[in-house]
């Protein structure tokens, strides 16, 4: 090949590299732009999370959990937490303890009585409809039911 032909081929290869680099950078820009749009788009949580509306009477049953929690923490070393189950009926207060089943003592009954006193002092049983009740359940360290009592 002649010198001129070699130079021409070299220039064509350099031009092809510039074009392919340009296409690569253009593709990279489109990909980055698409990724930015994807990350800025809010996730549709309506289809993944369902929140039930709580009516006012149910919210009153929930409000006193802080008071119950505070009182039981002051009076019991074995008490660890509280949760409320509103559905299905009856309303259930679940008191969690660190008690193991073989070592059951009078503690579960005392926790139930203290909780019921707080509930009645807040006049919550008056919110119950006819034939409705609420239940207080004590569970132990291994999530077994240690004691429970239903109130009307």
Protein backbone atom coordinates (compact mmCIF):
# COMPACT_ATOMS: atom_id res chain seq x y z
CA UNK A 1 0.00 0.00 0.00
CA UNK A 2 1.01 3.45 -0.56
CA UNK A 3 1.77 5.88 2.17
CA UNK A 4 -1.28 7.94 1.28
CA UNK A 5 -3.56 4.90 1.47
CA UNK A 6 -2.22 3.96 4.93
CA UNK A 7 -2.85 7.50 6.19
CA UNK A 8 -6.36 7.43 4.76
CA UNK A 9 -7.14 4.11 6.52
CA UNK A 10 -5.70 5.49 9.78
CA UNK A 11 -7.92 8.60 9.55
CA UNK A 12 -10.99 6.42 8.87
CA UNK A 13 -10.26 4.29 11.93
CA UNK A 14 -9.86 7.38 14.12
CA UNK A 15 -13.14 8.79 12.72
CA UNK A 16 -14.91 5.48 13.43
CA UNK A 17 -13.62 5.54 17.03
CA UNK A 18 -14.96 9.08 17.49
CA UNK A 19 -18.37 8.04 16.15
CA UNK A 20 -18.54 4.88 18.31
CA UNK A 21 -17.45 6.88 21.40
CA UNK A 22 -20.13 9.45 20.59
CA UNK A 23 -22.80 6.70 20.40
CA UNK A 24 -21.56 5.18 23.65
CA UNK A 25 -21.75 8.53 25.45
CA UNK A 26 -25.22 9.21 24.01
CA UNK A 27 -26.45 5.81 25.23
CA UNK A 28 -24.89 6.41 28.63
CA UNK A 29 -26.66 9.79 28.89
CA UNK A 30 -30.04 8.23 28.00
CA UNK A 31 -29.48 5.46 30.53
CA UNK A 32 -28.53 7.95 33.26
CA UNK A 33 -31.54 10.13 32.46
CA UNK A 34 -33.85 7.11 32.65
CA UNK A 35 -32.34 6.04 35.96
CA UNK A 36 -32.81 9.54 37.40
CA UNK A 37 -36.46 9.60 36.33
CA UNK A 38 -37.00 6.12 37.79
CA UNK A 39 -35.47 7.11 41.14
CA UNK A 40 -37.42 10.38 41.36
CA UNK A 41 -40.77 8.77 40.58
CA UNK A 42 -42.71 8.10 43.80
CA UNK A 43 -43.55 4.50 44.54
CA UNK A 44 -47.24 3.65 44.39
CA UNK A 45 -47.99 2.58 47.97
CA UNK A 46 -51.75 2.40 47.50
CA UNK A 47 -51.50 -1.10 46.09
CA UNK A 48 -49.10 -2.43 48.73
CA UNK A 49 -50.34 -0.94 52.01
CA UNK A 50 -53.91 -1.08 53.22
CA UNK A 51 -54.77 1.02 56.22
CA UNK A 52 -58.12 0.49 57.84
CA UNK A 53 -59.90 3.52 59.16
CA UNK A 54 -60.21 3.53 62.91
CA UNK A 55 -63.45 4.97 64.20
CA UNK A 56 -63.47 7.27 67.21
CA UNK A 57 -64.44 4.58 69.71
CA UNK A 58 -61.58 2.36 68.54
CA UNK A 59 -59.15 5.24 68.79
CA UNK A 60 -60.20 5.77 72.42
CA UNK A 61 -59.34 2.13 73.10
CA UNK A 62 -55.91 2.82 71.57
CA UNK A 63 -55.21 6.09 73.40
CA UNK A 64 -55.06 4.55 76.86
CA UNK A 65 -52.32 2.07 75.90
CA UNK A 66 -49.68 4.66 76.83
CA UNK A 67 -51.25 5.06 80.27
CA UNK A 68 -51.45 1.29 80.76
CA UNK A 69 -47.87 0.86 79.58
CA UNK A 70 -46.57 3.54 81.95
CA UNK A 71 -48.43 2.13 84.96
CA UNK A 72 -47.40 -1.47 84.34
CA UNK A 73 -43.75 -0.55 83.81
CA UNK A 74 -43.75 1.17 87.19
CA UNK A 75 -45.40 -1.73 89.03
CA UNK A 76 -43.97 -4.84 87.36
CA UNK A 77 -40.46 -6.00 86.56
CA UNK A 78 -41.71 -8.79 84.29
CA UNK A 79 -43.92 -6.61 82.07
CA UNK A 80 -42.27 -5.85 78.68
CA UNK A 81 -44.93 -4.30 76.44
CA UNK A 82 -48.51 -3.97 75.25
CA UNK A 83 -50.37 -4.38 71.97
CA UNK A 84 -54.01 -3.96 71.02
CA UNK A 85 -55.98 -6.13 68.62
CA UNK A 86 -59.18 -4.39 67.48
CA UNK A 87 -60.23 -6.88 64.82
CA UNK A 88 -61.76 -9.39 65.04
CA UNK A 89 -63.93 -8.59 68.01
CA UNK A 90 -63.63 -8.68 71.01
CA UNK A 91 -61.05 -5.97 71.57
CA UNK A 92 -57.93 -7.58 72.99
CA UNK A 93 -55.20 -6.02 75.11
CA UNK A 94 -52.16 -8.27 74.89
CA UNK A 95 -49.69 -7.73 77.72
CA UNK A 96 -46.23 -9.15 77.06
CA UNK A 97 -44.09 -10.39 79.92
CA UNK A 98 -40.70 -12.01 80.40
CA UNK A 99 -42.31 -14.74 82.55
CA UNK A 100 -41.69 -18.36 81.63
CA UNK A 101 -44.63 -20.76 81.97
CA UNK A 102 -43.28 -23.00 84.75
CA UNK A 103 -42.70 -19.94 86.94
CA UNK A 104 -46.21 -18.51 86.85
CA UNK A 105 -47.14 -16.64 90.00
CA UNK A 106 -49.77 -14.04 90.92
CA UNK A 107 -48.22 -11.52 88.55
CA UNK A 108 -50.53 -12.20 85.53
CA UNK A 109 -53.67 -11.67 87.61
CA UNK A 110 -52.25 -8.45 89.06
CA UNK A 111 -51.44 -7.17 85.54
CA UNK A 112 -54.97 -7.99 84.37
CA UNK A 113 -56.54 -6.21 87.35
CA UNK A 114 -54.37 -3.10 86.96
CA UNK A 115 -55.15 -2.92 83.24
CA UNK A 116 -58.86 -3.35 83.84
CA UNK A 117 -58.84 -0.61 86.48
CA UNK A 118 -57.31 1.82 83.98
CA UNK A 119 -59.84 0.82 81.31
CA UNK A 120 -62.80 1.29 83.64
CA UNK A 121 -61.45 4.56 85.07
CA UNK A 122 -61.39 5.92 81.51
CA UNK A 123 -65.03 4.80 81.09
CA UNK A 124 -64.26 2.66 78.04
CA UNK A 125 -66.72 -0.15 78.82
CA UNK A 126 -69.52 2.35 78.17
CA UNK A 127 -68.40 2.42 74.51
CA UNK A 128 -69.21 -1.26 74.11
CA UNK A 129 -72.39 -2.17 72.33
CA UNK A 130 -74.77 -4.77 73.67
CA UNK A 131 -73.19 -8.24 73.81
CA UNK A 132 -69.70 -6.84 73.14
CA UNK A 133 -66.73 -7.45 75.38
CA UNK A 134 -63.01 -6.87 75.69
CA UNK A 135 -60.29 -9.27 76.69
CA UNK A 136 -56.99 -8.87 78.48
CA UNK A 137 -54.41 -11.53 77.62
CA UNK A 138 -51.05 -12.09 79.32
CA UNK A 139 -48.38 -13.80 77.24
CA UNK A 140 -45.05 -15.10 78.44
CA UNK A 141 -41.53 -15.05 77.14
CA UNK A 142 -42.20 -17.80 74.58
CA UNK A 143 -45.47 -16.16 73.47
CA UNK A 144 -47.63 -18.71 75.23
CA UNK A 145 -50.82 -17.46 76.90
CA UNK A 146 -50.28 -17.39 80.66
CA UNK A 147 -53.64 -15.92 81.62
CA UNK A 148 -56.62 -14.18 80.09
CA UNK A 149 -59.90 -12.70 81.20
CA UNK A 150 -62.94 -11.43 79.31
CA UNK A 151 -64.86 -8.40 80.56
CA UNK A 152 -68.34 -7.18 79.51
